[in-house]
Each structure stands twice: as structure tokens, then as C-alpha cells.
Amino acid sequence: MPPQAALPVARVTPKGARSLRHFNPWVYRTEIAAPPDVKGPGAVVLVVDAQGNPIGQALYARRSPLALRLLTRKGPADEPVDDAFFRRRLEAALARRAYLSHRDGLRLVHGEADQLPGLFVDRYGKGLTLQTLSEGMDARKETLARMLVELTGATHVMCRDDASGRDFEGLPREARLLHGEGAARFTYHEGENRFEVDLQGDMKTGAFLDQVDNHLRAGELARGDALDLFSYHGGFALSLSRTCTSVLAVEQDEKAAARARANAEANGRANVTVEHANAFDVLRRFDTGGRRFDTVVLDPPGLAKRREGLATALRAYHELNLRAFRCLKPDGLLVTCSCSGKLDRAAFEQMVLAAAADAKRPVQILERRGAGLDHPVLAGLPETEYLKALYVRAL
């Protein structure tokens, strides 16, 4: 690694320096006073404040509005950012999850929270999916995949860089196999339930591992007749089926609905019925038709991708929750979720309670939850607390 003076230098504004020193690892382009002179993608740069005092080393993005992602607060003389650096960071991320070694489906690397900004790795049995949402990690994904195979013994590493977040970064979308041969189909477990996943063709990285703990907790609290909306592959539905008399799972995507049926059958959950339908339409039908449930789960996709769409998303969330409250029997359980990062926890809870008030249902708040322990929130970066789950009882 070249000495400190040889690294390209990015000078940040006082606001950018203050943010970095308060443990937010991001600097937007508007907070760069003097950009670095870089030659290619994924450059590591030295970050300095207005007076030239070093702050640390960061990945620089040439096109993204998010220009700098801090890697280390040390200088290159003390901690060179080379292949050994990234391998140590991967080893540390895996070591943090040693207490979850009994799970065969979990997140192994969670971006900024694991000090690997823009890198996300999920494990499904012997298969891994890798996502890079920063130019710096995108330029290194072949190397990172090789390291992950060596560290985990994975037979397949699937690149799932086909999400909309790539557009924000100015990066092309792609999905391809980085390691392995043949179909990338694997099984994993959520508690005693077994799921099948296609790492190349299914949504997100294959499944929604951030909800696993919430699936299991809902199964512990639920009872009676249950309605699971936006079911995807049946994560909530199969967990509910352990304690509920019947479960109706609703999923709009035809392929996902078929997978949910197959998962229910493979696990012997005869009390689960899967309906291929639009969740909004189903809730309206049950609300006006007077059908009531003991347990309702709402787990919609991210309805607010950008802040300018937040007001519209809030109206959609409100309608879902309002009708869900109307469809609950007395003392019924509502598990309601949002994965919209632009909707913070306080606003989400305010919306849910407003929907309860409009439905004229007093409620008890049982639990406030988020993503599982393998998806930690990084203090100082509120964007990492994207998933909210509220467990309430309607009286």
C-alpha cells in the first residue's frame, strides 16, 4: 500500500467532518469541499477536514450522491486498505454471528454495521448471496466472493446486484453466479419450518431473513384464525400455523404464492391456505363482508422508496392498518411491519395508532421490534434501522 501522502485526498466541509466524527460513516457530495483525483472505480481516499486534519480512509464513488463511505478512522500507514484488510473485516463479521451458528439461514455481513459499507451477504445452507450497493464494493466483489468461499465453505455465491438501490449509486443492475456451477437452489430453516429458495430467481436475496425472528415471535403469540397478508413464501404463515387453528396466506406474486403452497405442504401444514390475490382487495372484501380474525399480519413491501413518496406511502399504510383493525376480533393480535427506510419508527407507530383510533379500537402495545440480531443497527446511521414491527392487541 502506498504511504499516506500518495493516497488521493478528499477534503470535506465542516458539516461533513462533524458528521464523520459523530460516527455517521457517510458523506454526501454536497459535503465535499474538494473532490479527490481518482483514476478508476472503487478508489480508497484519505479524508481530511477543512484544516487538512486526517479523519480516516473511505471508499469514493464517482457518480453517486453518496460520495464517501468511511472504512477506517486510521491512516494508511497504520491500517492499509488492501485484500488483507477486507478479509479481516469479513472474519470479524462472521465471528460476531458465532452464537447463531445453529442457523442455516442468516445475514453474514450487514454493510455499514459490519464496517463493510455497501456490502451485504446472506447465507442459505451452502449458498451465499452477495449484494454490493457501493462503487467500492462493486469493484471488489469477485475478490470478496473468493474470500467468502474460503471462509465459509460455500458451494455457490450468487451476485444479486439487481435491486433499485444500484440506480441511486449509478451502477448497472446484474444477477450472476460468482462461484459455483448449476442451479443455486437451497433449503434453510426458520425454527422447525423448512423453506426452499432460488438464489437467482427469488426476490431480494432469495428470502427476507431480516424477518426471521419476527416470524418466530408471531408464532408464539398468535392464536385462532389467522390472516397473513403479503405472505411471500409463507414465513409468517408457517410460523402462525403452529399455534393457530387456520391460516389464510395472501400473496399477489403468483410464483411466490406457489412457493408458499409448496412450503406449507412440505412442512405438513394442512391448516394453511394460500390465496393468490391483492392484499388491499382482500382486506376490503373481509372488512365490508364482516369476516373477522384472531390474528392479522401485515408485512408489505417498502412503500416509500424515496422521501418524496412518503405521504402517499403513509396513506397506503394507514388504509392497510385501518382495515386490519376492523377485521380483528376482540383481543385480536395485529403484527404490522414496515421496511420503508424513509418512514422512521416514531412516524410508523403514530400512523398505526391513528389507524386504530379511526377504527375505534383501543389497543395495547405488546412489543416494538425490528430486524433480527444478524441485521444490527449502526448507531449514528439511522438509515440502518429500516425495519419496524409493532405487535399490538386490539381490545
Protein backbone atom coordinates (compact mmCIF):
# COMPACT_ATOMS: atom_id res chain seq x y z
CA MET A 1 0.00 0.00 0.00
CA PRO A 2 1.37 3.47 -0.83
CA PRO A 3 2.22 5.86 2.01
CA GLN A 4 -0.42 8.28 3.27
CA ALA A 5 0.73 11.16 1.05
CA ALA A 6 0.20 9.05 -2.07
CA LEU A 7 -3.50 8.44 -1.46
CA PRO A 8 -5.98 10.71 -3.26
CA VAL A 9 -7.33 13.27 -0.80
CA ALA A 10 -10.98 14.21 -0.28
CA ARG A 11 -11.47 17.41 1.69
CA VAL A 12 -14.86 17.62 3.41
CA THR A 13 -16.81 20.61 4.68
CA PRO A 14 -17.10 21.34 8.41
CA LYS A 15 -20.57 19.73 8.31
CA GLY A 16 -19.15 16.59 6.69
CA ALA A 17 -16.30 16.40 9.18
CA ARG A 18 -18.66 16.86 12.11
CA SER A 19 -20.90 14.07 10.83
CA LEU A 20 -17.98 11.66 10.42
CA ARG A 21 -16.69 12.45 13.89
CA HIS A 22 -20.13 11.69 15.30
CA PHE A 23 -19.90 8.17 13.83
CA ASN A 24 -22.02 8.64 10.73
CA PRO A 25 -19.85 6.96 8.06
CA TRP A 26 -21.49 8.71 5.09
CA VAL A 27 -20.57 11.96 3.33
CA TYR A 28 -22.78 13.23 0.52
CA ARG A 29 -21.32 15.03 -2.47
CA THR A 30 -22.69 18.35 -1.25
CA GLU A 31 -20.42 18.00 1.80
CA ILE A 32 -17.19 17.63 -0.18
CA ALA A 33 -15.17 20.85 -0.38
CA ALA A 34 -12.50 19.44 -2.72
CA PRO A 35 -13.00 16.10 -4.50
CA PRO A 36 -10.16 13.58 -4.81
CA ASP A 37 -8.33 12.97 -8.07
CA VAL A 38 -9.14 9.31 -8.74
CA LYS A 39 -8.43 7.28 -11.85
CA GLY A 40 -10.85 4.36 -11.64
CA PRO A 41 -13.78 2.79 -9.78
CA GLY A 42 -13.67 1.84 -6.11
CA ALA A 43 -10.81 4.11 -5.06
CA VAL A 44 -9.76 4.38 -1.43
CA VAL A 45 -9.12 8.00 -0.46
CA LEU A 46 -7.77 9.87 2.53
CA VAL A 47 -10.46 12.07 4.10
CA VAL A 48 -9.37 15.35 5.68
CA ASP A 49 -11.24 18.26 7.23
CA ALA A 50 -11.10 21.92 6.16
CA GLN A 51 -7.81 22.40 8.02
CA GLY A 52 -6.24 19.31 6.47
CA ASN A 53 -6.51 17.15 9.60
CA PRO A 54 -6.94 13.48 8.67
CA ILE A 55 -10.23 11.80 9.60
CA GLY A 56 -9.74 8.37 8.05
CA GLN A 57 -9.94 6.39 4.83
CA ALA A 58 -13.06 5.96 2.74
CA LEU A 59 -14.40 4.43 -0.43
CA TYR A 60 -15.06 7.12 -3.04
CA ALA A 61 -17.93 6.91 -5.54
CA ARG A 62 -17.53 8.90 -8.74
CA ARG A 63 -21.24 9.20 -9.63
CA SER A 64 -23.33 8.51 -6.55
CA PRO A 65 -24.80 11.40 -4.50
CA LEU A 66 -23.33 9.45 -1.56
CA ALA A 67 -19.70 10.17 -2.37
CA LEU A 68 -17.77 8.83 0.64
CA ARG A 69 -18.26 5.78 2.83
CA LEU A 70 -15.80 5.65 5.70
CA LEU A 71 -13.83 2.41 6.09
CA THR A 72 -11.46 3.17 8.94
CA ARG A 73 -10.50 6.10 11.14
CA LYS A 74 -6.86 5.09 10.88
CA GLY A 75 -4.43 6.34 8.27
CA PRO A 76 -2.91 4.09 5.58
CA ALA A 77 0.38 3.84 7.46
CA ASP A 78 -1.43 2.28 10.43
CA GLU A 79 -4.09 0.28 8.57
CA PRO A 80 -3.60 -0.13 4.83
CA VAL A 81 -6.82 -0.91 2.97
CA ASP A 82 -5.77 -3.97 0.98
CA ASP A 83 -7.08 -7.51 0.48
CA ALA A 84 -5.93 -8.46 3.98
CA PHE A 85 -7.96 -5.56 5.39
CA PHE A 86 -11.18 -6.80 3.77
CA ARG A 87 -10.52 -10.38 4.79
CA ARG A 88 -10.11 -9.30 8.43
CA ARG A 89 -13.39 -7.41 8.25
CA LEU A 90 -15.17 -10.47 6.82
CA GLU A 91 -13.70 -12.69 9.53
CA ALA A 92 -14.89 -10.24 12.20
CA ALA A 93 -18.42 -10.18 10.77
CA LEU A 94 -18.58 -13.98 10.81
CA ALA A 95 -17.19 -14.12 14.35
CA ARG A 96 -19.93 -11.75 15.57
CA ARG A 97 -22.52 -14.26 14.45
CA ALA A 98 -20.89 -17.33 16.04
CA TYR A 99 -23.77 -17.58 18.54
CA LEU A 100 -26.12 -18.01 15.56
CA SER A 101 -24.16 -20.94 14.14
CA HIS A 102 -27.18 -23.21 14.66
CA ARG A 103 -29.00 -21.28 11.93
CA ASP A 104 -28.58 -22.23 8.29
CA GLY A 105 -30.27 -19.04 7.06
CA LEU A 106 -28.90 -15.69 8.24
CA ARG A 107 -27.16 -12.49 7.21
CA LEU A 108 -23.38 -12.81 7.45
CA VAL A 109 -22.40 -9.24 6.51
CA HIS A 110 -24.64 -6.23 7.11
CA GLY A 111 -22.97 -3.35 5.33
CA GLU A 112 -22.01 -0.32 7.38
CA ALA A 113 -22.94 -2.04 10.65
CA ASP A 114 -20.12 -4.54 9.99
CA GLN A 115 -17.74 -1.81 8.78
CA LEU A 116 -18.02 -3.08 5.21
CA PRO A 117 -20.06 -0.22 3.70
CA GLY A 118 -22.32 -1.25 0.87
CA LEU A 119 -21.67 -5.00 1.20
CA PHE A 120 -24.44 -7.43 2.18
CA VAL A 121 -24.05 -11.21 2.34
CA ASP A 122 -26.77 -13.74 3.15
CA ARG A 123 -26.35 -17.45 3.79
CA TYR A 124 -28.82 -20.15 2.80
CA GLY A 125 -27.29 -23.51 3.66
CA LYS A 126 -24.23 -23.88 1.41
CA GLY A 127 -25.30 -21.00 -0.81
CA LEU A 128 -24.45 -17.32 -0.40
CA THR A 129 -25.91 -14.23 -1.99
CA LEU A 130 -23.80 -11.10 -2.28
CA GLN A 131 -25.05 -7.57 -2.86
CA THR A 132 -22.86 -4.51 -3.42
CA LEU A 133 -24.57 -1.15 -3.04
CA SER A 134 -21.44 0.98 -3.29
CA GLU A 135 -19.00 1.51 -6.12
CA GLY A 136 -16.10 0.49 -3.90
CA MET A 137 -17.57 -2.90 -3.02
CA ASP A 138 -18.86 -3.42 -6.56
CA ALA A 139 -15.29 -3.13 -7.87
CA ARG A 140 -14.14 -5.79 -5.38
CA LYS A 141 -16.98 -8.32 -5.48
CA GLU A 142 -15.04 -11.03 -7.32
CA THR A 143 -12.30 -10.85 -4.67
CA LEU A 144 -14.84 -10.74 -1.84
CA ALA A 145 -16.68 -13.77 -3.24
CA ARG A 146 -13.44 -15.76 -3.32
CA MET A 147 -12.69 -14.82 0.30
CA LEU A 148 -16.20 -15.78 1.40
CA VAL A 149 -15.89 -19.21 -0.21
CA GLU A 150 -12.62 -19.76 1.64
CA LEU A 151 -14.09 -18.60 4.96
CA THR A 152 -17.48 -20.35 4.79
CA GLY A 153 -17.05 -23.37 2.52
CA ALA A 154 -19.95 -22.19 0.34
CA THR A 155 -20.56 -24.08 -2.88
CA HIS A 156 -22.27 -21.12 -4.61
CA VAL A 157 -22.01 -17.34 -4.40
CA MET A 158 -24.75 -15.56 -6.30
CA CYS A 159 -24.39 -11.87 -7.11
CA ARG A 160 -27.80 -10.21 -6.63
CA ASP A 161 -26.93 -6.72 -7.76
CA ASP A 162 -30.30 -6.27 -9.43
CA ALA A 163 -32.00 -4.06 -6.81
CA SER A 164 -33.16 -0.47 -7.33
CA GLY A 165 -30.53 0.79 -4.87
CA ARG A 166 -27.98 0.33 -7.64
CA ASP A 167 -29.71 3.05 -9.67
CA PHE A 168 -29.10 5.59 -6.89
CA GLU A 169 -25.41 4.67 -6.96
CA GLY A 170 -25.16 4.95 -10.74
CA LEU A 171 -24.28 1.25 -11.00
CA PRO A 172 -25.67 -1.24 -13.54
CA ARG A 173 -28.03 -3.97 -12.37
CA GLU A 174 -26.97 -7.59 -12.72
CA ALA A 175 -27.56 -11.06 -11.29
CA ARG A 176 -24.95 -13.71 -11.96
CA LEU A 177 -23.08 -16.57 -10.38
CA LEU A 178 -19.73 -15.52 -8.93
CA HIS A 179 -18.81 -19.00 -7.73
CA GLY A 180 -20.20 -22.50 -8.30
CA GLU A 181 -21.96 -24.38 -11.04
CA GLY A 182 -25.54 -25.39 -11.75
CA ALA A 183 -28.77 -24.27 -10.14
CA ALA A 184 -28.50 -22.18 -6.99
CA ARG A 185 -31.43 -23.74 -5.11
CA PHE A 186 -31.04 -24.36 -1.42
CA THR A 187 -33.04 -25.04 1.71
CA TYR A 188 -32.87 -23.30 5.07
CA HIS A 189 -34.88 -23.34 8.29
CA GLU A 190 -36.80 -20.88 10.41
CA GLY A 191 -37.21 -22.71 13.66
CA GLU A 192 -38.67 -26.09 12.75
CA ASN A 193 -40.00 -24.91 9.37
CA ARG A 194 -38.04 -25.73 6.22
CA PHE A 195 -38.00 -23.39 3.23
CA GLU A 196 -36.72 -23.71 -0.32
CA VAL A 197 -35.05 -20.75 -2.00
CA ASP A 198 -33.78 -19.98 -5.50
CA LEU A 199 -30.90 -17.54 -5.06
CA GLN A 200 -31.05 -16.45 -8.68
CA GLY A 201 -34.77 -16.06 -9.29
CA ASP A 202 -36.43 -15.19 -5.99
CA MET A 203 -36.95 -11.67 -4.66
CA LYS A 204 -34.37 -9.70 -2.73
CA THR A 205 -31.51 -12.13 -1.94
CA GLY A 206 -33.86 -15.11 -2.00
CA ALA A 207 -35.85 -14.57 1.20
CA PHE A 208 -36.47 -11.95 3.88
CA LEU A 209 -34.04 -13.06 6.55
CA ASP A 210 -34.43 -9.81 8.49
CA GLN A 211 -37.92 -11.02 9.49
CA VAL A 212 -37.00 -14.50 10.75
CA ASP A 213 -37.10 -13.58 14.45
CA ASN A 214 -40.37 -11.72 13.91
CA HIS A 215 -41.86 -14.74 12.14
CA LEU A 216 -40.98 -16.92 15.12
CA ARG A 217 -42.25 -14.43 17.71
CA ALA A 218 -45.57 -14.04 15.90
CA GLY A 219 -45.99 -17.80 16.03
CA GLU A 220 -45.55 -17.71 19.80
CA LEU A 221 -48.21 -15.02 20.35
CA ALA A 222 -50.79 -15.90 17.69
CA ARG A 223 -53.96 -17.93 18.15
CA GLY A 224 -57.27 -18.79 16.49
CA ASP A 225 -58.00 -17.96 12.85
CA ALA A 226 -55.12 -16.02 11.26
CA LEU A 227 -54.72 -13.84 8.17
CA ASP A 228 -51.21 -13.31 6.76
CA LEU A 229 -51.03 -10.57 4.12
CA PHE A 230 -48.08 -10.10 1.72
CA SER A 231 -47.04 -13.62 2.67
CA TYR A 232 -44.27 -14.14 0.07
CA HIS A 233 -43.00 -17.71 0.75
CA GLY A 234 -45.05 -18.13 3.91
CA GLY A 235 -42.56 -17.17 6.62
CA PHE A 236 -45.20 -15.70 8.93
CA ALA A 237 -47.91 -18.13 7.80
CA LEU A 238 -45.97 -21.29 8.60
CA SER A 239 -44.94 -19.95 11.99
CA LEU A 240 -48.55 -18.95 12.76
CA SER A 241 -49.74 -22.40 11.76
CA ARG A 242 -48.07 -23.93 14.81
CA THR A 243 -50.43 -22.16 17.23
CA CYS A 244 -53.39 -21.09 15.08
CA THR A 245 -56.43 -23.12 14.07
CA SER A 246 -56.27 -21.90 10.48
CA VAL A 247 -54.08 -19.54 8.46
CA LEU A 248 -55.05 -17.78 5.24
CA ALA A 249 -51.91 -16.51 3.47
CA VAL A 250 -52.39 -13.88 0.75
CA GLU A 251 -49.69 -13.21 -1.86
CA GLN A 252 -50.01 -11.21 -5.09
CA ASP A 253 -46.95 -12.62 -6.86
CA GLU A 254 -48.04 -15.86 -8.50
CA LYS A 255 -44.63 -17.51 -8.29
CA ALA A 256 -44.23 -16.64 -4.62
CA ALA A 257 -47.75 -17.88 -3.85
CA ALA A 258 -46.93 -21.22 -5.49
CA ARG A 259 -43.76 -21.47 -3.39
CA ALA A 260 -45.73 -20.69 -0.22
CA ARG A 261 -48.14 -23.53 -1.04
CA ALA A 262 -45.25 -25.89 -1.67
CA ASN A 263 -43.57 -24.87 1.60
CA ALA A 264 -46.78 -25.40 3.56
CA GLU A 265 -47.24 -28.84 2.01
CA ALA A 266 -43.59 -29.85 2.53
CA ASN A 267 -43.88 -28.92 6.23
CA GLY A 268 -47.18 -30.72 6.69
CA ARG A 269 -49.10 -27.52 7.49
CA ALA A 270 -52.54 -28.64 6.36
CA ASN A 271 -54.17 -25.70 8.17
CA VAL A 272 -52.50 -23.18 5.81
CA THR A 273 -54.39 -22.00 2.72
CA VAL A 274 -52.65 -19.73 0.20
CA GLU A 275 -54.67 -17.28 -1.90
CA HIS A 276 -53.11 -15.60 -4.94
CA ALA A 277 -54.62 -12.11 -4.61
CA ASN A 278 -54.01 -8.43 -3.90
CA ALA A 279 -53.82 -7.78 -0.15
CA PHE A 280 -55.63 -4.41 -0.37
CA ASP A 281 -58.52 -6.04 -2.23
CA VAL A 282 -58.71 -8.94 0.22
CA LEU A 283 -58.80 -6.63 3.24
CA ARG A 284 -61.56 -4.52 1.70
CA ARG A 285 -63.57 -7.66 0.97
CA PHE A 286 -63.22 -9.00 4.51
CA ASP A 287 -63.87 -5.59 6.07
CA THR A 288 -67.09 -4.98 4.17
CA GLY A 289 -68.11 -8.65 4.33
CA GLY A 290 -67.71 -8.88 8.09
CA ARG A 291 -65.12 -11.64 8.19
CA ARG A 292 -63.05 -11.43 11.37
CA PHE A 293 -59.79 -12.98 12.55
CA ASP A 294 -58.00 -13.58 15.85
CA THR A 295 -54.60 -12.73 14.30
CA VAL A 296 -53.66 -10.49 11.36
CA VAL A 297 -50.16 -9.96 9.96
CA LEU A 298 -49.27 -7.05 7.65
CA ASP A 299 -45.82 -7.28 6.07
CA PRO A 300 -45.99 -5.12 2.92
CA PRO A 301 -43.03 -4.33 0.67
CA GLY A 302 -41.28 -0.98 1.05
CA LEU A 303 -43.96 1.53 0.07
CA ALA A 304 -41.71 4.61 0.41
CA LYS A 305 -38.55 4.21 -1.68
CA ARG A 306 -37.87 7.95 -1.71
CA ARG A 307 -38.75 10.69 0.76
CA GLU A 308 -40.92 12.48 -1.82
CA GLY A 309 -43.20 9.42 -1.88
CA LEU A 310 -43.63 9.25 1.90
CA ALA A 311 -47.03 10.96 2.07
CA THR A 312 -48.53 8.56 -0.47
CA ALA A 313 -46.97 5.60 1.33
CA LEU A 314 -48.40 6.73 4.67
CA ARG A 315 -51.91 6.80 3.18
CA ALA A 316 -51.44 3.23 1.92
CA TYR A 317 -50.08 2.06 5.28
CA HIS A 318 -52.97 3.76 7.05
CA GLU A 319 -55.58 2.04 4.89
CA LEU A 320 -53.99 -1.37 5.44
CA ASN A 321 -53.82 -0.95 9.20
CA LEU A 322 -57.28 0.62 9.48
CA ARG A 323 -58.91 -2.31 7.68
CA ALA A 324 -56.78 -4.81 9.59
CA PHE A 325 -58.06 -3.39 12.89
CA ARG A 326 -61.63 -3.63 11.61
CA CYS A 327 -61.04 -7.29 10.72
CA LEU A 328 -59.77 -8.21 14.18
CA LYS A 329 -61.93 -9.91 16.77
CA PRO A 330 -61.88 -8.55 20.34
CA ASP A 331 -58.47 -9.17 21.92
CA GLY A 332 -57.10 -9.91 18.44
CA LEU A 333 -53.37 -9.66 17.64
CA LEU A 334 -52.06 -7.40 14.89
CA VAL A 335 -48.45 -7.79 13.77
CA THR A 336 -47.78 -4.82 11.50
CA CYS A 337 -44.50 -4.10 9.74
CA SER A 338 -42.76 -1.54 7.56
CA CYS A 339 -39.44 -1.93 5.77
CA SER A 340 -39.53 1.61 4.35
CA GLY A 341 -36.31 3.28 5.48
CA LYS A 342 -37.78 6.75 4.85
CA LEU A 343 -40.51 6.08 7.43
CA ASP A 344 -38.96 6.29 10.89
CA ARG A 345 -40.15 4.33 13.90
CA ALA A 346 -41.97 7.24 15.57
CA ALA A 347 -43.93 8.11 12.41
CA PHE A 348 -44.76 4.45 11.82
CA GLU A 349 -46.14 3.99 15.32
CA GLN A 350 -48.07 7.25 15.08
CA MET A 351 -49.67 6.00 11.85
CA VAL A 352 -50.65 2.65 13.40
CA LEU A 353 -52.22 4.30 16.46
CA ALA A 354 -54.08 6.77 14.23
CA ALA A 355 -55.47 3.84 12.22
CA ALA A 356 -56.56 2.17 15.47
CA ALA A 357 -58.29 5.35 16.59
CA ASP A 358 -60.08 5.68 13.22
CA ALA A 359 -61.20 2.05 13.60
CA LYS A 360 -62.40 2.92 17.13
CA ARG A 361 -60.24 0.18 18.63
CA PRO A 362 -58.27 0.80 21.82
CA VAL A 363 -55.01 -1.13 21.66
CA GLN A 364 -52.28 -2.49 23.86
CA ILE A 365 -48.72 -2.22 22.54
CA LEU A 366 -47.16 -5.61 23.26
CA GLU A 367 -43.75 -5.30 21.59
CA ARG A 368 -41.73 -2.97 19.42
CA ARG A 369 -39.34 -4.99 17.27
CA GLY A 370 -37.00 -4.59 14.32
CA ALA A 371 -34.71 -6.74 12.24
CA GLY A 372 -33.01 -9.78 13.75
CA LEU A 373 -29.71 -9.81 15.60
CA ASP A 374 -27.87 -10.69 12.39
CA HIS A 375 -29.06 -7.33 10.96
CA PRO A 376 -27.66 -4.91 13.58
CA VAL A 377 -28.42 -1.19 13.56
CA LEU A 378 -25.37 1.08 13.43
CA ALA A 379 -25.62 3.88 15.99
CA GLY A 380 -25.13 7.21 14.25
CA LEU A 381 -26.67 5.98 10.99
CA PRO A 382 -30.45 5.96 11.42
CA GLU A 383 -30.95 4.65 7.89
CA THR A 384 -29.84 1.21 9.10
CA GLU A 385 -32.97 0.95 11.28
CA TYR A 386 -35.22 0.42 8.28
CA LEU A 387 -37.41 -2.45 9.55
CA LYS A 388 -40.12 -1.79 12.12
CA ALA A 389 -42.51 -4.36 13.56
CA LEU A 390 -45.24 -3.49 16.04
CA TYR A 391 -47.17 -6.19 17.93
CA VAL A 392 -50.47 -4.82 19.25
CA ARG A 393 -53.64 -6.25 20.78
CA ALA A 394 -56.92 -4.66 19.73
CA LEU A 395 -59.34 -4.57 22.67
